Amino acid sequence: MTDCGCDQAKAELEEYLHRELSEQDYRDVTDHLETCEDCSAEHLVGVTLTLKMQQACREVAPADLKAAVLAAIDNR
């Protein structure tokens, strides 16, 4: 088990959330998050924001709004 420390964990949090780290770096951050309350809280915020953004990106505009926007673009 290798604890990378708060500085590295916070610096790599975004990449960690998206599994963009090497396996070793991912394990190091995981080990750190298991023992650091502050970084774990920051990780939870990141997870929550990521999930909310994913949900928002799946939303579809109502058909009447879409039609109104397209009509406004065509009338320019």
C-alpha atoms as a PDB file:
ATOM      1  CA  MET A   1       0.000   0.000   0.000  1.00  0.00           C
ATOM      2  CA  THR A   2       1.370   3.377  -1.046  1.00  0.00           C
ATOM      3  CA  ASP A   3      -0.136   6.637   0.164  1.00  0.00           C
ATOM      4  CA  CYS A   4       0.613   9.385  -2.352  1.00  0.00           C
ATOM      5  CA  GLY A   5      -0.299  12.232   0.025  1.00  0.00           C
ATOM      6  CA  CYS A   6      -2.857  15.013  -0.160  1.00  0.00           C
ATOM      7  CA  ASP A   7      -1.041  17.160  -2.722  1.00  0.00           C
ATOM      8  CA  GLN A   8      -0.833  14.407  -5.323  1.00  0.00           C
ATOM      9  CA  ALA A   9      -4.319  13.057  -4.579  1.00  0.00           C
ATOM     10  CA  LYS A  10      -5.890  16.498  -5.029  1.00  0.00           C
ATOM     11  CA  ALA A  11      -3.813  17.274  -8.118  1.00  0.00           C
ATOM     12  CA  GLU A  12      -4.880  14.003  -9.763  1.00  0.00           C
ATOM     13  CA  LEU A  13      -8.483  13.898  -8.558  1.00  0.00           C
ATOM     14  CA  GLU A  14     -10.052  14.793 -11.918  1.00  0.00           C
ATOM     15  CA  GLU A  15      -8.027  12.142 -13.735  1.00  0.00           C
ATOM     16  CA  TYR A  16      -8.812   9.686 -10.931  1.00  0.00           C
ATOM     17  CA  LEU A  17     -12.554  10.260 -11.317  1.00  0.00           C
ATOM     18  CA  HIS A  18     -12.338   9.426 -15.016  1.00  0.00           C
ATOM     19  CA  ARG A  19      -9.868   6.504 -14.639  1.00  0.00           C
ATOM     20  CA  GLU A  20      -7.245   8.385 -16.652  1.00  0.00           C
ATOM     21  CA  LEU A  21      -4.326   7.551 -14.349  1.00  0.00           C
ATOM     22  CA  SER A  22      -1.840   4.747 -14.672  1.00  0.00           C
ATOM     23  CA  GLU A  23      -2.751   1.686 -12.614  1.00  0.00           C
ATOM     24  CA  GLN A  24      -0.076   2.495 -10.026  1.00  0.00           C
ATOM     25  CA  ASP A  25      -1.144   6.132  -9.647  1.00  0.00           C
ATOM     26  CA  TYR A  26      -4.786   5.045  -9.427  1.00  0.00           C
ATOM     27  CA  ARG A  27      -3.925   2.593  -6.621  1.00  0.00           C
ATOM     28  CA  ASP A  28      -1.866   5.240  -4.821  1.00  0.00           C
ATOM     29  CA  VAL A  29      -4.749   7.733  -4.863  1.00  0.00           C
ATOM     30  CA  THR A  30      -7.203   4.994  -3.839  1.00  0.00           C
ATOM     31  CA  ASP A  31      -4.976   4.093  -0.886  1.00  0.00           C
ATOM     32  CA  HIS A  32      -4.816   7.729   0.134  1.00  0.00           C
ATOM     33  CA  LEU A  33      -8.578   8.252  -0.123  1.00  0.00           C
ATOM     34  CA  GLU A  34      -9.140   5.294   2.196  1.00  0.00           C
ATOM     35  CA  THR A  35      -7.304   7.055   5.025  1.00  0.00           C
ATOM     36  CA  CYS A  36      -7.790  10.807   4.420  1.00  0.00           C
ATOM     37  CA  GLU A  37     -11.123  12.303   5.410  1.00  0.00           C
ATOM     38  CA  ASP A  38     -10.435  15.655   3.694  1.00  0.00           C
ATOM     39  CA  CYS A  39      -9.496  14.150   0.348  1.00  0.00           C
ATOM     40  CA  SER A  40     -12.336  11.622   0.586  1.00  0.00           C
ATOM     41  CA  ALA A  41     -14.792  14.494   1.044  1.00  0.00           C
ATOM     42  CA  GLU A  42     -13.324  16.261  -1.990  1.00  0.00           C
ATOM     43  CA  HIS A  43     -13.592  13.012  -3.950  1.00  0.00           C
ATOM     44  CA  LEU A  44     -17.270  12.711  -2.979  1.00  0.00           C
ATOM     45  CA  VAL A  45     -17.905  16.236  -4.288  1.00  0.00           C
ATOM     46  CA  GLY A  46     -16.182  15.309  -7.550  1.00  0.00           C
ATOM     47  CA  VAL A  47     -18.228  12.117  -7.904  1.00  0.00           C
ATOM     48  CA  THR A  48     -21.451  14.007  -7.210  1.00  0.00           C
ATOM     49  CA  LEU A  49     -20.645  16.744  -9.746  1.00  0.00           C
ATOM     50  CA  THR A  50     -19.644  14.188 -12.366  1.00  0.00           C
ATOM     51  CA  LEU A  51     -22.907  12.269 -11.929  1.00  0.00           C
ATOM     52  CA  LYS A  52     -24.990  15.468 -12.079  1.00  0.00           C
ATOM     53  CA  MET A  53     -23.214  16.548 -15.270  1.00  0.00           C
ATOM     54  CA  GLN A  54     -23.789  13.150 -16.851  1.00  0.00           C
ATOM     55  CA  GLN A  55     -27.477  13.342 -15.957  1.00  0.00           C
ATOM     56  CA  ALA A  56     -27.779  16.881 -17.324  1.00  0.00           C
ATOM     57  CA  CYS A  57     -26.162  15.873 -20.598  1.00  0.00           C
ATOM     58  CA  ARG A  58     -28.797  13.184 -21.097  1.00  0.00           C
ATOM     59  CA  GLU A  59     -31.688  15.612 -20.760  1.00  0.00           C
ATOM     60  CA  VAL A  60     -33.569  16.400 -23.957  1.00  0.00           C
ATOM     61  CA  ALA A  61     -35.202  19.734 -24.671  1.00  0.00           C
ATOM     62  CA  PRO A  62     -38.995  19.640 -25.114  1.00  0.00           C
ATOM     63  CA  ALA A  63     -40.023  19.381 -28.754  1.00  0.00           C
ATOM     64  CA  ASP A  64     -41.708  22.816 -28.774  1.00  0.00           C
ATOM     65  CA  LEU A  65     -38.570  24.490 -27.398  1.00  0.00           C
ATOM     66  CA  LYS A  66     -36.406  22.735 -29.971  1.00  0.00           C
ATOM     67  CA  ALA A  67     -38.758  23.817 -32.760  1.00  0.00           C
ATOM     68  CA  ALA A  68     -38.759  27.433 -31.521  1.00  0.00           C
ATOM     69  CA  VAL A  69     -34.967  27.566 -31.400  1.00  0.00           C
ATOM     70  CA  LEU A  70     -34.618  26.068 -34.863  1.00  0.00           C
ATOM     71  CA  ALA A  71     -37.245  28.489 -36.241  1.00  0.00           C
ATOM     72  CA  ALA A  72     -35.389  31.420 -34.683  1.00  0.00           C
ATOM     73  CA  ILE A  73     -32.159  30.267 -36.298  1.00  0.00           C
ATOM     74  CA  ASP A  74     -33.845  29.893 -39.695  1.00  0.00           C
ATOM     75  CA  ASN A  75     -35.306  33.422 -39.449  1.00  0.00           C
ATOM     76  CA  ARG A  76     -31.940  35.102 -38.913  1.00  0.00           C
END
